Amino acid sequence: CPTLKNYQLVLSGKKNGKTLEQKLTGIIPAGDCGMPEVYWFGDLTGDGFPELIFVSVYEEKNTFTLMVSEGTDSGMLLRPEAEWTIGSCK
């Protein structure tokens, strides 16, 4: 694992002509190493904005978080839609 200090996961982009910045730290589990990894990205909703699946790796499990593009004018770029965990295959 890397040594992390003051780690933050921040997403920035343009939406409805405004530049937005959204902190994802705390929304997505950190995992044993302190930071999630991007597992997959694509445009599931067809709105031109990406959806992301993050994976948080633990010794005995992996937790996946699906973040979907936020279509409303909420000031958010992504919102958590689903989370699931797969346990160790041992």
C-alpha atoms as a PDB file:
ATOM      1  CA  CYS A   1       0.000   0.000   0.000  1.00  0.00           C
ATOM      2  CA  PRO A   2       1.150   3.545  -0.622  1.00  0.00           C
ATOM      3  CA  THR A   3       1.582   5.882   2.333  1.00  0.00           C
ATOM      4  CA  LEU A   4      -1.183   8.483   2.146  1.00  0.00           C
ATOM      5  CA  LYS A   5      -1.347  11.814   3.890  1.00  0.00           C
ATOM      6  CA  ASN A   6      -4.327  14.159   3.555  1.00  0.00           C
ATOM      7  CA  TYR A   7      -5.660  12.073   0.650  1.00  0.00           C
ATOM      8  CA  GLN A   8      -8.732  13.420  -1.150  1.00  0.00           C
ATOM      9  CA  LEU A   9     -10.586  12.161  -4.198  1.00  0.00           C
ATOM     10  CA  VAL A  10     -12.015  15.147  -6.087  1.00  0.00           C
ATOM     11  CA  LEU A  11     -13.914  15.138  -9.381  1.00  0.00           C
ATOM     12  CA  SER A  12     -14.142  18.272 -11.487  1.00  0.00           C
ATOM     13  CA  GLY A  13     -15.991  19.002 -14.701  1.00  0.00           C
ATOM     14  CA  LYS A  14     -18.473  21.237 -16.485  1.00  0.00           C
ATOM     15  CA  LYS A  15     -22.213  20.846 -16.208  1.00  0.00           C
ATOM     16  CA  ASN A  16     -24.857  23.226 -17.564  1.00  0.00           C
ATOM     17  CA  GLY A  17     -22.121  25.754 -18.374  1.00  0.00           C
ATOM     18  CA  LYS A  18     -20.754  25.773 -14.809  1.00  0.00           C
ATOM     19  CA  THR A  19     -17.459  24.350 -13.612  1.00  0.00           C
ATOM     20  CA  LEU A  20     -18.133  22.058 -10.665  1.00  0.00           C
ATOM     21  CA  GLU A  21     -15.909  20.297  -8.175  1.00  0.00           C
ATOM     22  CA  GLN A  22     -17.184  17.395  -6.066  1.00  0.00           C
ATOM     23  CA  LYS A  23     -15.366  15.666  -3.233  1.00  0.00           C
ATOM     24  CA  LEU A  24     -15.844  11.890  -3.410  1.00  0.00           C
ATOM     25  CA  THR A  25     -13.760  11.147  -0.317  1.00  0.00           C
ATOM     26  CA  GLY A  26     -16.112   9.730   2.288  1.00  0.00           C
ATOM     27  CA  ILE A  27     -18.742   8.711  -0.277  1.00  0.00           C
ATOM     28  CA  ILE A  28     -16.667   5.809  -1.567  1.00  0.00           C
ATOM     29  CA  PRO A  29     -15.135   3.355   0.946  1.00  0.00           C
ATOM     30  CA  ALA A  30     -11.359   3.706   1.199  1.00  0.00           C
ATOM     31  CA  GLY A  31     -10.304   0.046   1.346  1.00  0.00           C
ATOM     32  CA  ASP A  32      -7.288  -1.302   3.196  1.00  0.00           C
ATOM     33  CA  CYS A  33      -4.835   0.884   1.266  1.00  0.00           C
ATOM     34  CA  GLY A  34      -6.785   4.078   1.897  1.00  0.00           C
ATOM     35  CA  MET A  35      -7.931   4.828  -1.637  1.00  0.00           C
ATOM     36  CA  PRO A  36     -10.407   3.255  -4.050  1.00  0.00           C
ATOM     37  CA  GLU A  37      -9.492   2.332  -7.622  1.00  0.00           C
ATOM     38  CA  VAL A  38     -11.434   3.008 -10.815  1.00  0.00           C
ATOM     39  CA  TYR A  39     -12.727  -0.414 -11.867  1.00  0.00           C
ATOM     40  CA  TRP A  40     -14.836   0.657 -14.898  1.00  0.00           C
ATOM     41  CA  PHE A  41     -16.144   3.769 -16.632  1.00  0.00           C
ATOM     42  CA  GLY A  42     -18.546   4.431 -19.487  1.00  0.00           C
ATOM     43  CA  ASP A  43     -21.796   6.193 -20.346  1.00  0.00           C
ATOM     44  CA  LEU A  44     -24.550   3.865 -19.110  1.00  0.00           C
ATOM     45  CA  THR A  45     -27.292   6.490 -19.142  1.00  0.00           C
ATOM     46  CA  GLY A  46     -26.503   7.907 -22.597  1.00  0.00           C
ATOM     47  CA  ASP A  47     -26.400  11.493 -21.330  1.00  0.00           C
ATOM     48  CA  GLY A  48     -22.846  12.178 -22.506  1.00  0.00           C
ATOM     49  CA  PHE A  49     -21.422  12.077 -18.970  1.00  0.00           C
ATOM     50  CA  PRO A  50     -19.487   9.098 -17.602  1.00  0.00           C
ATOM     51  CA  GLU A  51     -20.604   6.676 -14.952  1.00  0.00           C
ATOM     52  CA  LEU A  52     -17.880   5.102 -12.803  1.00  0.00           C
ATOM     53  CA  ILE A  53     -17.485   1.946 -10.773  1.00  0.00           C
ATOM     54  CA  PHE A  54     -14.920   2.223  -8.003  1.00  0.00           C
ATOM     55  CA  VAL A  55     -13.507  -0.807  -6.196  1.00  0.00           C
ATOM     56  CA  SER A  56     -12.288  -0.633  -2.612  1.00  0.00           C
ATOM     57  CA  VAL A  57      -9.931  -3.525  -1.963  1.00  0.00           C
ATOM     58  CA  TYR A  58      -9.765  -5.217   1.430  1.00  0.00           C
ATOM     59  CA  GLU A  59      -7.927  -8.382   2.439  1.00  0.00           C
ATOM     60  CA  GLU A  60     -11.124 -10.442   2.706  1.00  0.00           C
ATOM     61  CA  LYS A  61     -13.464  -8.619   0.296  1.00  0.00           C
ATOM     62  CA  ASN A  62     -13.854  -6.105  -2.520  1.00  0.00           C
ATOM     63  CA  THR A  63     -16.523  -3.411  -2.298  1.00  0.00           C
ATOM     64  CA  PHE A  64     -17.783  -1.880  -5.546  1.00  0.00           C
ATOM     65  CA  THR A  65     -19.534   1.506  -5.755  1.00  0.00           C
ATOM     66  CA  LEU A  66     -21.478   2.583  -8.861  1.00  0.00           C
ATOM     67  CA  MET A  67     -21.512   6.349  -9.303  1.00  0.00           C
ATOM     68  CA  VAL A  68     -23.943   7.687 -11.926  1.00  0.00           C
ATOM     69  CA  SER A  69     -24.059  11.094 -13.544  1.00  0.00           C
ATOM     70  CA  GLU A  70     -26.413  13.467 -11.778  1.00  0.00           C
ATOM     71  CA  GLY A  71     -28.932  14.893 -14.241  1.00  0.00           C
ATOM     72  CA  THR A  72     -30.449  17.486 -11.953  1.00  0.00           C
ATOM     73  CA  ASP A  73     -29.029  20.902 -11.172  1.00  0.00           C
ATOM     74  CA  SER A  74     -27.958  19.748  -7.709  1.00  0.00           C
ATOM     75  CA  GLY A  75     -24.355  20.920  -7.979  1.00  0.00           C
ATOM     76  CA  MET A  76     -23.173  17.303  -8.046  1.00  0.00           C
ATOM     77  CA  LEU A  77     -21.482  15.596 -10.967  1.00  0.00           C
ATOM     78  CA  LEU A  78     -22.009  12.034  -9.711  1.00  0.00           C
ATOM     79  CA  ARG A  79     -24.210  10.371  -7.137  1.00  0.00           C
ATOM     80  CA  PRO A  80     -23.849   6.935  -5.563  1.00  0.00           C
ATOM     81  CA  GLU A  81     -26.394   4.567  -7.094  1.00  0.00           C
ATOM     82  CA  ALA A  82     -25.393   1.128  -5.820  1.00  0.00           C
ATOM     83  CA  GLU A  83     -22.818  -0.610  -3.658  1.00  0.00           C
ATOM     84  CA  TRP A  84     -22.067  -4.322  -3.447  1.00  0.00           C
ATOM     85  CA  THR A  85     -19.441  -6.492  -1.814  1.00  0.00           C
ATOM     86  CA  ILE A  86     -17.828  -9.707  -3.004  1.00  0.00           C
ATOM     87  CA  GLY A  87     -16.176 -11.770  -0.280  1.00  0.00           C
ATOM     88  CA  SER A  88     -12.960 -13.720  -0.511  1.00  0.00           C
ATOM     89  CA  CYS A  89     -13.015 -16.766  -2.777  1.00  0.00           C
ATOM     90  CA  LYS A  90     -10.826 -18.764  -0.354  1.00  0.00           C
END
